[in-house]
Amino acid sequence: TGKAVTGMESRQAAMRQCIKEMSDKGIPAFVDRAGREWSPEAYINMDIRTTVSNTAHQAQFDRMDDYGMNLVEVSSHAGARPKCAKDQGKIFNRNGGGGYTEDLHGKKIRYYAWKDSSYGEPDGLLGINCGHQVYPFTPGIDVQRYFPYDEKENADLYEKTQVQRELERAIRKQKRQVAAANALVEYAPDEALRQAAQADFTAQSVKLKAAEKELKDFCKQT
């Protein structure tokens, strides 16, 4: 409004800038301690996913406690995030220190103290958006089915995954730009603004196609 009043920009240009900034930022649900703004959709999805996972794991731990079972085996997958990567594919003792046990075939298996894992940290094992699972491990009955991945292989895949997610976020952001421009075309209060919005819609659509192509090319290369 200030730019329009002082003549720095036309009313149409000022309105386009305002709408663009609003579509870029969205409507944040809250700002976390790291200063990141969460949209309602992103926060609700994260919260539901994490709460359901935490509830399931706690129910599993409670049942294990009922039967006096302390050892858990952590699943593993390539591309795990850093804190999870050091814990995956291992067996942990939830109620004590580290040591050794035996599997079904009498093979000696090492286990670690649960308190030394990244469990309980937001970006750690079983934390926010963690894809790992834990399974009870019964000495003398079970066999270890998951093992750690090569550190370099895991780190390389993790970095590629982060690039892919960044490209996907860019596409979602560009789609919001296209939707905002399209809405302005439809509801523009005058012809001049409608024509300007149509030009912006065309430009944003071109950017969207370019972003989608960049993601497609990246996936082919990796």
C-alpha atoms as a PDB file:
ATOM      1  CA  THR A   1       0.000   0.000   0.000  1.00  0.00           C
ATOM      2  CA  GLY A   2       2.841   2.356   0.839  1.00  0.00           C
ATOM      3  CA  LYS A   3       4.519   1.771  -2.522  1.00  0.00           C
ATOM      4  CA  ALA A   4       1.246   2.405  -4.356  1.00  0.00           C
ATOM      5  CA  VAL A   5       0.525   5.589  -2.413  1.00  0.00           C
ATOM      6  CA  THR A   6       3.999   7.014  -2.954  1.00  0.00           C
ATOM      7  CA  GLY A   7       3.969   6.091  -6.625  1.00  0.00           C
ATOM      8  CA  MET A   8       6.868   3.669  -6.376  1.00  0.00           C
ATOM      9  CA  GLU A   9       4.693   0.953  -7.923  1.00  0.00           C
ATOM     10  CA  SER A  10       1.358   0.799  -9.654  1.00  0.00           C
ATOM     11  CA  ARG A  11      -1.569  -0.640  -7.722  1.00  0.00           C
ATOM     12  CA  GLN A  12      -1.535  -3.704  -9.951  1.00  0.00           C
ATOM     13  CA  ALA A  13       2.186  -4.320  -9.396  1.00  0.00           C
ATOM     14  CA  ALA A  14       1.835  -3.841  -5.638  1.00  0.00           C
ATOM     15  CA  MET A  15      -1.080  -6.275  -5.509  1.00  0.00           C
ATOM     16  CA  ARG A  16       0.824  -8.898  -7.509  1.00  0.00           C
ATOM     17  CA  GLN A  17       3.806  -8.568  -5.178  1.00  0.00           C
ATOM     18  CA  CYS A  18       1.588  -8.921  -2.120  1.00  0.00           C
ATOM     19  CA  ILE A  19      -0.148 -12.023  -3.469  1.00  0.00           C
ATOM     20  CA  LYS A  20       3.191 -13.548  -4.493  1.00  0.00           C
ATOM     21  CA  GLU A  21       4.657 -13.063  -1.024  1.00  0.00           C
ATOM     22  CA  MET A  22       1.556 -14.536   0.609  1.00  0.00           C
ATOM     23  CA  SER A  23       1.623 -17.577  -1.681  1.00  0.00           C
ATOM     24  CA  ASP A  24       5.365 -18.025  -1.015  1.00  0.00           C
ATOM     25  CA  LYS A  25       4.992 -17.912   2.748  1.00  0.00           C
ATOM     26  CA  GLY A  26       1.584 -19.493   3.126  1.00  0.00           C
ATOM     27  CA  ILE A  27      -0.245 -19.408   6.446  1.00  0.00           C
ATOM     28  CA  PRO A  28       2.101 -20.747   9.137  1.00  0.00           C
ATOM     29  CA  ALA A  29       0.615 -22.812  11.942  1.00  0.00           C
ATOM     30  CA  PHE A  30       3.528 -21.959  14.218  1.00  0.00           C
ATOM     31  CA  VAL A  31       7.237 -21.222  14.260  1.00  0.00           C
ATOM     32  CA  ASP A  32       9.447 -23.848  15.923  1.00  0.00           C
ATOM     33  CA  ARG A  33      12.556 -23.253  18.039  1.00  0.00           C
ATOM     34  CA  ALA A  34      14.783 -23.390  14.965  1.00  0.00           C
ATOM     35  CA  GLY A  35      12.811 -20.537  13.385  1.00  0.00           C
ATOM     36  CA  ARG A  36      11.133 -22.719  10.753  1.00  0.00           C
ATOM     37  CA  GLU A  37       7.549 -21.895   9.855  1.00  0.00           C
ATOM     38  CA  TRP A  38       5.188 -24.863   9.571  1.00  0.00           C
ATOM     39  CA  SER A  39       2.088 -24.738   7.411  1.00  0.00           C
ATOM     40  CA  PRO A  40      -1.089 -26.236   8.939  1.00  0.00           C
ATOM     41  CA  GLU A  41      -0.968 -29.162   6.467  1.00  0.00           C
ATOM     42  CA  ALA A  42       2.699 -29.971   7.103  1.00  0.00           C
ATOM     43  CA  TYR A  43       2.372 -29.679  10.880  1.00  0.00           C
ATOM     44  CA  ILE A  44      -0.809 -31.754  11.148  1.00  0.00           C
ATOM     45  CA  ASN A  45       0.616 -34.522   8.948  1.00  0.00           C
ATOM     46  CA  MET A  46       3.840 -34.593  10.977  1.00  0.00           C
ATOM     47  CA  ASP A  47       1.972 -34.561  14.280  1.00  0.00           C
ATOM     48  CA  ILE A  48      -0.432 -37.370  13.353  1.00  0.00           C
ATOM     49  CA  ARG A  49       2.348 -39.509  11.872  1.00  0.00           C
ATOM     50  CA  THR A  50       4.588 -39.047  14.917  1.00  0.00           C
ATOM     51  CA  THR A  51       1.813 -39.529  17.489  1.00  0.00           C
ATOM     52  CA  VAL A  52       0.579 -42.746  15.888  1.00  0.00           C
ATOM     53  CA  SER A  53       4.139 -44.078  15.706  1.00  0.00           C
ATOM     54  CA  ASN A  54       4.906 -43.133  19.319  1.00  0.00           C
ATOM     55  CA  THR A  55       1.694 -44.739  20.542  1.00  0.00           C
ATOM     56  CA  ALA A  56       2.435 -47.990  18.713  1.00  0.00           C
ATOM     57  CA  HIS A  57       6.005 -48.148  20.006  1.00  0.00           C
ATOM     58  CA  GLN A  58       4.964 -47.399  23.578  1.00  0.00           C
ATOM     59  CA  ALA A  59       2.310 -50.119  23.436  1.00  0.00           C
ATOM     60  CA  GLN A  60       4.977 -52.523  22.193  1.00  0.00           C
ATOM     61  CA  PHE A  61       7.377 -51.526  24.982  1.00  0.00           C
ATOM     62  CA  ASP A  62       4.646 -51.916  27.607  1.00  0.00           C
ATOM     63  CA  ARG A  63       3.873 -55.426  26.380  1.00  0.00           C
ATOM     64  CA  MET A  64       7.587 -56.286  26.406  1.00  0.00           C
ATOM     65  CA  ASP A  65       7.838 -55.041  29.997  1.00  0.00           C
ATOM     66  CA  ASP A  66       4.946 -57.319  30.951  1.00  0.00           C
ATOM     67  CA  TYR A  67       6.971 -60.303  29.726  1.00  0.00           C
ATOM     68  CA  GLY A  68      10.321 -59.087  31.061  1.00  0.00           C
ATOM     69  CA  MET A  69      11.808 -58.598  27.569  1.00  0.00           C
ATOM     70  CA  ASN A  70      14.540 -55.978  27.389  1.00  0.00           C
ATOM     71  CA  LEU A  71      16.304 -56.458  24.039  1.00  0.00           C
ATOM     72  CA  VAL A  72      15.088 -54.809  20.830  1.00  0.00           C
ATOM     73  CA  GLU A  73      16.418 -55.054  17.294  1.00  0.00           C
ATOM     74  CA  VAL A  74      16.368 -51.890  15.167  1.00  0.00           C
ATOM     75  CA  SER A  75      15.535 -52.180  11.461  1.00  0.00           C
ATOM     76  CA  SER A  76      17.881 -50.688   8.866  1.00  0.00           C
ATOM     77  CA  HIS A  77      17.646 -49.079   5.443  1.00  0.00           C
ATOM     78  CA  ALA A  78      19.982 -47.219   3.112  1.00  0.00           C
ATOM     79  CA  GLY A  79      19.862 -43.436   3.238  1.00  0.00           C
ATOM     80  CA  ALA A  80      19.022 -43.157   6.935  1.00  0.00           C
ATOM     81  CA  ARG A  81      19.495 -39.738   8.510  1.00  0.00           C
ATOM     82  CA  PRO A  82      22.738 -39.240  10.468  1.00  0.00           C
ATOM     83  CA  LYS A  83      21.558 -39.906  14.027  1.00  0.00           C
ATOM     84  CA  CYS A  84      19.495 -42.922  12.988  1.00  0.00           C
ATOM     85  CA  ALA A  85      22.294 -44.275  10.809  1.00  0.00           C
ATOM     86  CA  LYS A  86      24.570 -44.949  13.776  1.00  0.00           C
ATOM     87  CA  ASP A  87      21.825 -46.876  15.599  1.00  0.00           C
ATOM     88  CA  GLN A  88      20.189 -48.882  12.829  1.00  0.00           C
ATOM     89  CA  GLY A  89      20.825 -52.596  12.431  1.00  0.00           C
ATOM     90  CA  LYS A  90      21.822 -52.953  16.082  1.00  0.00           C
ATOM     91  CA  ILE A  91      20.335 -54.644  19.135  1.00  0.00           C
ATOM     92  CA  PHE A  92      19.744 -52.521  22.235  1.00  0.00           C
ATOM     93  CA  ASN A  93      19.032 -53.216  25.874  1.00  0.00           C
ATOM     94  CA  ARG A  94      16.201 -50.936  26.964  1.00  0.00           C
ATOM     95  CA  ASN A  95      16.755 -51.460  30.679  1.00  0.00           C
ATOM     96  CA  GLY A  96      20.486 -51.736  31.189  1.00  0.00           C
ATOM     97  CA  GLY A  97      23.954 -51.511  29.719  1.00  0.00           C
ATOM     98  CA  GLY A  98      25.623 -53.188  26.778  1.00  0.00           C
ATOM     99  CA  GLY A  99      26.902 -56.723  26.567  1.00  0.00           C
ATOM    100  CA  TYR A 100      26.587 -59.958  24.621  1.00  0.00           C
ATOM    101  CA  THR A 101      23.845 -62.540  24.125  1.00  0.00           C
ATOM    102  CA  GLU A 102      23.300 -65.590  21.888  1.00  0.00           C
ATOM    103  CA  ASP A 103      20.902 -66.160  19.009  1.00  0.00           C
ATOM    104  CA  LEU A 104      19.006 -69.273  17.953  1.00  0.00           C
ATOM    105  CA  HIS A 105      22.170 -70.934  16.671  1.00  0.00           C
ATOM    106  CA  GLY A 106      24.325 -70.074  19.653  1.00  0.00           C
ATOM    107  CA  LYS A 107      26.084 -67.248  17.821  1.00  0.00           C
ATOM    108  CA  LYS A 108      27.355 -64.483  20.082  1.00  0.00           C
ATOM    109  CA  ILE A 109      25.489 -61.215  19.432  1.00  0.00           C
ATOM    110  CA  ARG A 110      26.503 -57.825  20.798  1.00  0.00           C
ATOM    111  CA  TYR A 111      23.917 -55.454  22.171  1.00  0.00           C
ATOM    112  CA  TYR A 112      24.145 -51.823  23.270  1.00  0.00           C
ATOM    113  CA  ALA A 113      22.638 -49.633  25.979  1.00  0.00           C
ATOM    114  CA  TRP A 114      19.398 -47.936  24.900  1.00  0.00           C
ATOM    115  CA  LYS A 115      20.470 -44.764  26.715  1.00  0.00           C
ATOM    116  CA  ASP A 116      23.449 -44.471  24.367  1.00  0.00           C
ATOM    117  CA  SER A 117      21.212 -44.394  21.273  1.00  0.00           C
ATOM    118  CA  SER A 118      19.603 -41.276  19.786  1.00  0.00           C
ATOM    119  CA  TYR A 119      16.174 -42.393  21.034  1.00  0.00           C
ATOM    120  CA  GLY A 120      14.276 -39.447  22.541  1.00  0.00           C
ATOM    121  CA  GLU A 121      15.817 -36.830  20.240  1.00  0.00           C
ATOM    122  CA  PRO A 122      13.484 -35.209  17.658  1.00  0.00           C
ATOM    123  CA  ASP A 123      15.776 -36.122  14.766  1.00  0.00           C
ATOM    124  CA  GLY A 124      16.933 -39.374  16.326  1.00  0.00           C
ATOM    125  CA  LEU A 125      15.784 -42.987  16.411  1.00  0.00           C
ATOM    126  CA  LEU A 126      11.962 -43.273  16.429  1.00  0.00           C
ATOM    127  CA  GLY A 127      11.792 -39.466  16.409  1.00  0.00           C
ATOM    128  CA  ILE A 128       9.903 -37.145  14.056  1.00  0.00           C
ATOM    129  CA  ASN A 129       9.467 -38.704  10.608  1.00  0.00           C
ATOM    130  CA  CYS A 130      11.730 -41.640  11.488  1.00  0.00           C
ATOM    131  CA  GLY A 131      11.138 -44.644   9.241  1.00  0.00           C
ATOM    132  CA  HIS A 132      12.696 -47.271  11.507  1.00  0.00           C
ATOM    133  CA  GLN A 133      10.956 -50.042  13.405  1.00  0.00           C
ATOM    134  CA  VAL A 134      12.037 -51.982  16.491  1.00  0.00           C
ATOM    135  CA  TYR A 135      11.362 -55.647  17.192  1.00  0.00           C
ATOM    136  CA  PRO A 136      11.716 -57.706  20.378  1.00  0.00           C
ATOM    137  CA  PHE A 137      14.817 -59.900  20.404  1.00  0.00           C
ATOM    138  CA  THR A 138      14.636 -63.070  22.487  1.00  0.00           C
ATOM    139  CA  PRO A 139      18.023 -64.624  23.363  1.00  0.00           C
ATOM    140  CA  GLY A 140      18.370 -68.232  22.212  1.00  0.00           C
ATOM    141  CA  ILE A 141      15.252 -68.006  20.026  1.00  0.00           C
ATOM    142  CA  ASP A 142      15.651 -65.130  17.554  1.00  0.00           C
ATOM    143  CA  VAL A 143      18.315 -64.426  14.926  1.00  0.00           C
ATOM    144  CA  GLN A 144      19.534 -60.978  13.963  1.00  0.00           C
ATOM    145  CA  ARG A 145      17.916 -59.931  10.686  1.00  0.00           C
ATOM    146  CA  TYR A 146      19.075 -56.321  10.321  1.00  0.00           C
ATOM    147  CA  PHE A 147      22.615 -54.958  10.110  1.00  0.00           C
ATOM    148  CA  PRO A 148      24.239 -51.511   9.744  1.00  0.00           C
ATOM    149  CA  TYR A 149      24.854 -50.126   6.254  1.00  0.00           C
ATOM    150  CA  ASP A 150      28.206 -48.944   4.981  1.00  0.00           C
ATOM    151  CA  GLU A 151      28.668 -45.401   6.324  1.00  0.00           C
ATOM    152  CA  LYS A 152      29.769 -43.826   3.035  1.00  0.00           C
ATOM    153  CA  GLU A 153      27.054 -45.586   1.016  1.00  0.00           C
ATOM    154  CA  ASN A 154      24.418 -44.491   3.505  1.00  0.00           C
ATOM    155  CA  ALA A 155      25.696 -40.884   3.635  1.00  0.00           C
ATOM    156  CA  ASP A 156      25.788 -40.597  -0.173  1.00  0.00           C
ATOM    157  CA  LEU A 157      22.228 -41.854  -0.531  1.00  0.00           C
ATOM    158  CA  TYR A 158      21.063 -39.600   2.310  1.00  0.00           C
ATOM    159  CA  GLU A 159      22.491 -36.535   0.547  1.00  0.00           C
ATOM    160  CA  LYS A 160      20.797 -37.515  -2.712  1.00  0.00           C
ATOM    161  CA  THR A 161      17.518 -38.009  -0.871  1.00  0.00           C
ATOM    162  CA  GLN A 162      17.801 -34.533   0.637  1.00  0.00           C
ATOM    163  CA  VAL A 163      18.384 -33.014  -2.818  1.00  0.00           C
ATOM    164  CA  GLN A 164      15.343 -34.844  -4.160  1.00  0.00           C
ATOM    165  CA  ARG A 165      13.169 -33.622  -1.307  1.00  0.00           C
ATOM    166  CA  GLU A 166      14.373 -30.060  -1.876  1.00  0.00           C
ATOM    167  CA  LEU A 167      13.398 -30.317  -5.546  1.00  0.00           C
ATOM    168  CA  GLU A 168      10.004 -31.710  -4.543  1.00  0.00           C
ATOM    169  CA  ARG A 169       9.473 -28.804  -2.140  1.00  0.00           C
ATOM    170  CA  ALA A 170      10.366 -26.383  -4.932  1.00  0.00           C
ATOM    171  CA  ILE A 171       7.708 -27.960  -7.152  1.00  0.00           C
ATOM    172  CA  ARG A 172       5.050 -27.684  -4.434  1.00  0.00           C
ATOM    173  CA  LYS A 173       5.998 -24.051  -3.910  1.00  0.00           C
ATOM    174  CA  GLN A 174       5.804 -23.336  -7.640  1.00  0.00           C
ATOM    175  CA  LYS A 175       2.389 -24.995  -7.821  1.00  0.00           C
ATOM    176  CA  ARG A 176       1.182 -22.559  -5.166  1.00  0.00           C
ATOM    177  CA  GLN A 177       2.505 -19.708  -7.304  1.00  0.00           C
ATOM    178  CA  VAL A 178       0.606 -21.006 -10.328  1.00  0.00           C
ATOM    179  CA  ALA A 179      -2.586 -21.443  -8.293  1.00  0.00           C
ATOM    180  CA  ALA A 180      -2.306 -17.926  -6.864  1.00  0.00           C
ATOM    181  CA  ALA A 181      -1.773 -16.402 -10.304  1.00  0.00           C
ATOM    182  CA  ASN A 182      -4.682 -18.387 -11.706  1.00  0.00           C
ATOM    183  CA  ALA A 183      -6.959 -17.218  -8.895  1.00  0.00           C
ATOM    184  CA  LEU A 184      -5.982 -13.617  -9.556  1.00  0.00           C
ATOM    185  CA  VAL A 185      -6.840 -14.072 -13.232  1.00  0.00           C
ATOM    186  CA  GLU A 186     -10.286 -15.323 -12.280  1.00  0.00           C
ATOM    187  CA  TYR A 187     -11.077 -12.755  -9.587  1.00  0.00           C
ATOM    188  CA  ALA A 188      -9.165  -9.677 -10.815  1.00  0.00           C
ATOM    189  CA  PRO A 189     -11.219  -6.531 -10.154  1.00  0.00           C
ATOM    190  CA  ASP A 190     -10.265  -4.883 -13.444  1.00  0.00           C
ATOM    191  CA  GLU A 191      -9.004  -5.774 -16.909  1.00  0.00           C
ATOM    192  CA  ALA A 192      -5.501  -4.350 -16.436  1.00  0.00           C
ATOM    193  CA  LEU A 193      -4.879  -6.492 -13.383  1.00  0.00           C
ATOM    194  CA  ARG A 194      -6.394  -9.523 -15.100  1.00  0.00           C
ATOM    195  CA  GLN A 195      -4.040  -9.192 -18.069  1.00  0.00           C
ATOM    196  CA  ALA A 196      -1.049  -8.755 -15.772  1.00  0.00           C
ATOM    197  CA  ALA A 197      -2.133 -11.804 -13.787  1.00  0.00           C
ATOM    198  CA  GLN A 198      -2.511 -13.821 -16.979  1.00  0.00           C
ATOM    199  CA  ALA A 199       1.044 -12.969 -17.968  1.00  0.00           C
ATOM    200  CA  ASP A 200       2.248 -13.938 -14.503  1.00  0.00           C
ATOM    201  CA  PHE A 201       0.291 -17.210 -14.692  1.00  0.00           C
ATOM    202  CA  THR A 202       2.015 -18.066 -17.967  1.00  0.00           C
ATOM    203  CA  ALA A 203       5.435 -17.252 -16.540  1.00  0.00           C
ATOM    204  CA  GLN A 204       4.827 -19.267 -13.359  1.00  0.00           C
ATOM    205  CA  SER A 205       3.578 -22.230 -15.390  1.00  0.00           C
ATOM    206  CA  VAL A 206       6.805 -22.228 -17.396  1.00  0.00           C
ATOM    207  CA  LYS A 207       8.796 -22.217 -14.141  1.00  0.00           C
ATOM    208  CA  LEU A 208       6.721 -25.133 -12.859  1.00  0.00           C
ATOM    209  CA  LYS A 209       7.458 -27.221 -15.938  1.00  0.00           C
ATOM    210  CA  ALA A 210      11.161 -26.416 -15.562  1.00  0.00           C
ATOM    211  CA  ALA A 211      11.110 -27.475 -11.894  1.00  0.00           C
ATOM    212  CA  GLU A 212       9.344 -30.728 -12.750  1.00  0.00           C
ATOM    213  CA  LYS A 213      11.882 -31.426 -15.490  1.00  0.00           C
ATOM    214  CA  GLU A 214      14.755 -30.776 -13.089  1.00  0.00           C
ATOM    215  CA  LEU A 215      13.363 -33.354 -10.659  1.00  0.00           C
ATOM    216  CA  LYS A 216      12.786 -35.877 -13.437  1.00  0.00           C
ATOM    217  CA  ASP A 217      16.331 -35.432 -14.747  1.00  0.00           C
ATOM    218  CA  PHE A 218      17.804 -35.751 -11.262  1.00  0.00           C
ATOM    219  CA  CYS A 219      15.927 -39.009 -10.622  1.00  0.00           C
ATOM    220  CA  LYS A 220      17.180 -40.410 -13.946  1.00  0.00           C
ATOM    221  CA  GLN A 221      20.778 -39.515 -13.130  1.00  0.00           C
ATOM    222  CA  THR A 222      20.671 -41.044  -9.658  1.00  0.00           C
END
